[in-house]
């Protein structure tokens, strides 16, 4: 009877461990906004952006834009470089990391949302 009780306790413990493991897999972290990527090449505060000059500055880093660069915002359907404001928090996905060439620009938070 004692052996059966130990086996039962071990089986229940194993099931609890498995359920905890699989529940963490199912409830993995969601992207910051629906449809956004999980990971960005870089994030930071927008200092300057100009589609005409084909460049933007996040924090203290200069990035190159191109006519192929896409712009994404959680509150605007067809975003462009003019959709972003100074001090907005931005995420970028780079096309070429060595040249700091941007493939896409994503609005993470508006400046007013984090007190800037």
C-alpha atoms as a PDB file:
ATOM      1  CA  UNK A   1       0.000   0.000   0.000  1.00  0.00           C
ATOM      2  CA  UNK A   2       2.889   2.370   0.827  1.00  0.00           C
ATOM      3  CA  UNK A   3       4.490   1.692  -2.549  1.00  0.00           C
ATOM      4  CA  UNK A   4       1.218   2.474  -4.327  1.00  0.00           C
ATOM      5  CA  UNK A   5       0.907   5.772  -2.430  1.00  0.00           C
ATOM      6  CA  UNK A   6       4.483   6.804  -3.427  1.00  0.00           C
ATOM      7  CA  UNK A   7       3.795   5.916  -7.057  1.00  0.00           C
ATOM      8  CA  UNK A   8       0.595   7.955  -6.993  1.00  0.00           C
ATOM      9  CA  UNK A   9       2.400  10.986  -5.509  1.00  0.00           C
ATOM     10  CA  UNK A  10       5.191  10.728  -8.112  1.00  0.00           C
ATOM     11  CA  UNK A  11       2.671  10.463 -10.945  1.00  0.00           C
ATOM     12  CA  UNK A  12       0.743  13.517  -9.729  1.00  0.00           C
ATOM     13  CA  UNK A  13       4.000  15.478  -9.303  1.00  0.00           C
ATOM     14  CA  UNK A  14       5.042  14.568 -12.840  1.00  0.00           C
ATOM     15  CA  UNK A  15       1.705  15.687 -14.264  1.00  0.00           C
ATOM     16  CA  UNK A  16       1.942  18.990 -12.406  1.00  0.00           C
ATOM     17  CA  UNK A  17       5.455  19.595 -13.765  1.00  0.00           C
ATOM     18  CA  UNK A  18       4.337  18.778 -17.311  1.00  0.00           C
ATOM     19  CA  UNK A  19       1.283  21.028 -17.085  1.00  0.00           C
ATOM     20  CA  UNK A  20       3.419  23.931 -15.827  1.00  0.00           C
ATOM     21  CA  UNK A  21       5.943  23.388 -18.637  1.00  0.00           C
ATOM     22  CA  UNK A  22       3.328  23.240 -21.398  1.00  0.00           C
ATOM     23  CA  UNK A  23       1.258  26.112 -20.039  1.00  0.00           C
ATOM     24  CA  UNK A  24       4.303  28.410 -20.219  1.00  0.00           C
ATOM     25  CA  UNK A  25       4.767  27.396 -23.849  1.00  0.00           C
ATOM     26  CA  UNK A  26       1.148  28.156 -24.705  1.00  0.00           C
ATOM     27  CA  UNK A  27       1.108  31.498 -22.882  1.00  0.00           C
ATOM     28  CA  UNK A  28       4.350  32.820 -24.389  1.00  0.00           C
ATOM     29  CA  UNK A  29       4.798  36.589 -24.579  1.00  0.00           C
ATOM     30  CA  UNK A  30       2.672  38.363 -27.182  1.00  0.00           C
ATOM     31  CA  UNK A  31       3.986  41.087 -29.534  1.00  0.00           C
ATOM     32  CA  UNK A  32       3.659  44.664 -28.279  1.00  0.00           C
ATOM     33  CA  UNK A  33       0.737  45.295 -30.687  1.00  0.00           C
ATOM     34  CA  UNK A  34      -1.242  42.813 -32.814  1.00  0.00           C
ATOM     35  CA  UNK A  35       0.507  42.121 -36.104  1.00  0.00           C
ATOM     36  CA  UNK A  36       3.854  43.461 -34.850  1.00  0.00           C
ATOM     37  CA  UNK A  37       7.045  41.372 -34.881  1.00  0.00           C
ATOM     38  CA  UNK A  38       8.262  39.772 -31.648  1.00  0.00           C
ATOM     39  CA  UNK A  39      11.827  41.075 -32.072  1.00  0.00           C
ATOM     40  CA  UNK A  40      13.352  44.237 -33.553  1.00  0.00           C
ATOM     41  CA  UNK A  41      16.904  44.884 -34.752  1.00  0.00           C
ATOM     42  CA  UNK A  42      16.934  48.086 -32.688  1.00  0.00           C
ATOM     43  CA  UNK A  43      14.585  50.253 -30.643  1.00  0.00           C
ATOM     44  CA  UNK A  44      14.875  53.789 -29.342  1.00  0.00           C
ATOM     45  CA  UNK A  45      13.527  57.321 -29.223  1.00  0.00           C
ATOM     46  CA  UNK A  46      13.110  59.047 -32.558  1.00  0.00           C
ATOM     47  CA  UNK A  47      15.372  62.089 -32.860  1.00  0.00           C
ATOM     48  CA  UNK A  48      14.836  62.793 -36.572  1.00  0.00           C
ATOM     49  CA  UNK A  49      13.266  61.148 -39.626  1.00  0.00           C
ATOM     50  CA  UNK A  50      13.244  62.291 -43.244  1.00  0.00           C
ATOM     51  CA  UNK A  51      12.082  60.201 -46.180  1.00  0.00           C
ATOM     52  CA  UNK A  52      13.356  62.941 -48.501  1.00  0.00           C
ATOM     53  CA  UNK A  53      16.899  62.728 -47.068  1.00  0.00           C
ATOM     54  CA  UNK A  54      16.423  58.967 -46.645  1.00  0.00           C
ATOM     55  CA  UNK A  55      17.652  58.852 -43.061  1.00  0.00           C
ATOM     56  CA  UNK A  56      16.488  58.676 -39.480  1.00  0.00           C
ATOM     57  CA  UNK A  57      18.161  58.957 -36.097  1.00  0.00           C
ATOM     58  CA  UNK A  58      17.149  56.755 -33.163  1.00  0.00           C
ATOM     59  CA  UNK A  59      18.807  57.759 -29.904  1.00  0.00           C
ATOM     60  CA  UNK A  60      22.317  58.517 -31.206  1.00  0.00           C
ATOM     61  CA  UNK A  61      22.425  56.155 -34.204  1.00  0.00           C
ATOM     62  CA  UNK A  62      21.947  57.188 -37.852  1.00  0.00           C
ATOM     63  CA  UNK A  63      19.957  54.774 -40.039  1.00  0.00           C
ATOM     64  CA  UNK A  64      19.505  54.805 -43.817  1.00  0.00           C
ATOM     65  CA  UNK A  65      15.997  54.671 -45.270  1.00  0.00           C
ATOM     66  CA  UNK A  66      15.088  53.768 -48.841  1.00  0.00           C
ATOM     67  CA  UNK A  67      12.069  54.004 -51.093  1.00  0.00           C
ATOM     68  CA  UNK A  68      11.390  50.353 -50.139  1.00  0.00           C
ATOM     69  CA  UNK A  69      11.292  51.055 -46.390  1.00  0.00           C
ATOM     70  CA  UNK A  70       7.852  50.313 -44.942  1.00  0.00           C
ATOM     71  CA  UNK A  71       6.265  52.214 -42.044  1.00  0.00           C
ATOM     72  CA  UNK A  72       3.871  50.708 -39.495  1.00  0.00           C
ATOM     73  CA  UNK A  73       1.752  52.282 -36.780  1.00  0.00           C
ATOM     74  CA  UNK A  74      -0.793  50.739 -34.435  1.00  0.00           C
ATOM     75  CA  UNK A  75      -3.219  53.642 -34.959  1.00  0.00           C
ATOM     76  CA  UNK A  76      -2.747  54.537 -38.670  1.00  0.00           C
ATOM     77  CA  UNK A  77      -3.583  52.172 -41.530  1.00  0.00           C
ATOM     78  CA  UNK A  78      -1.276  53.668 -44.179  1.00  0.00           C
ATOM     79  CA  UNK A  79       1.692  55.057 -42.251  1.00  0.00           C
ATOM     80  CA  UNK A  80       4.613  56.940 -43.800  1.00  0.00           C
ATOM     81  CA  UNK A  81       7.668  58.767 -42.469  1.00  0.00           C
ATOM     82  CA  UNK A  82       5.490  61.781 -41.591  1.00  0.00           C
ATOM     83  CA  UNK A  83       3.367  59.580 -39.280  1.00  0.00           C
ATOM     84  CA  UNK A  84       6.077  59.632 -36.613  1.00  0.00           C
ATOM     85  CA  UNK A  85       6.964  62.407 -34.162  1.00  0.00           C
ATOM     86  CA  UNK A  86      10.117  63.357 -32.305  1.00  0.00           C
ATOM     87  CA  UNK A  87      10.532  61.268 -29.109  1.00  0.00           C
ATOM     88  CA  UNK A  88       8.171  58.505 -30.307  1.00  0.00           C
ATOM     89  CA  UNK A  89       9.528  55.097 -29.300  1.00  0.00           C
ATOM     90  CA  UNK A  90      10.372  53.258 -32.528  1.00  0.00           C
ATOM     91  CA  UNK A  91      11.429  49.732 -33.447  1.00  0.00           C
ATOM     92  CA  UNK A  92      13.294  48.984 -36.670  1.00  0.00           C
ATOM     93  CA  UNK A  93      14.079  45.853 -38.620  1.00  0.00           C
ATOM     94  CA  UNK A  94      17.302  46.214 -40.564  1.00  0.00           C
ATOM     95  CA  UNK A  95      17.840  45.011 -44.130  1.00  0.00           C
ATOM     96  CA  UNK A  96      21.619  45.363 -43.839  1.00  0.00           C
ATOM     97  CA  UNK A  97      23.050  45.537 -40.327  1.00  0.00           C
ATOM     98  CA  UNK A  98      26.528  46.641 -41.467  1.00  0.00           C
ATOM     99  CA  UNK A  99      25.133  49.628 -43.404  1.00  0.00           C
ATOM    100  CA  UNK A 100      22.326  50.378 -40.875  1.00  0.00           C
ATOM    101  CA  UNK A 101      19.832  50.138 -43.749  1.00  0.00           C
ATOM    102  CA  UNK A 102      16.220  49.937 -42.538  1.00  0.00           C
ATOM    103  CA  UNK A 103      13.711  47.491 -43.995  1.00  0.00           C
ATOM    104  CA  UNK A 104      10.774  48.554 -41.779  1.00  0.00           C
ATOM    105  CA  UNK A 105       9.941  51.136 -39.099  1.00  0.00           C
ATOM    106  CA  UNK A 106       7.404  50.368 -36.339  1.00  0.00           C
ATOM    107  CA  UNK A 107       5.754  52.797 -33.901  1.00  0.00           C
ATOM    108  CA  UNK A 108       5.936  51.219 -30.441  1.00  0.00           C
ATOM    109  CA  UNK A 109       4.699  54.099 -28.247  1.00  0.00           C
ATOM    110  CA  UNK A 110       3.808  57.697 -28.903  1.00  0.00           C
ATOM    111  CA  UNK A 111       5.940  60.290 -27.104  1.00  0.00           C
ATOM    112  CA  UNK A 112       3.051  61.501 -24.929  1.00  0.00           C
ATOM    113  CA  UNK A 113       2.481  57.957 -23.640  1.00  0.00           C
ATOM    114  CA  UNK A 114       5.775  57.839 -21.790  1.00  0.00           C
ATOM    115  CA  UNK A 115       5.958  61.419 -20.581  1.00  0.00           C
ATOM    116  CA  UNK A 116       8.183  63.077 -23.159  1.00  0.00           C
END
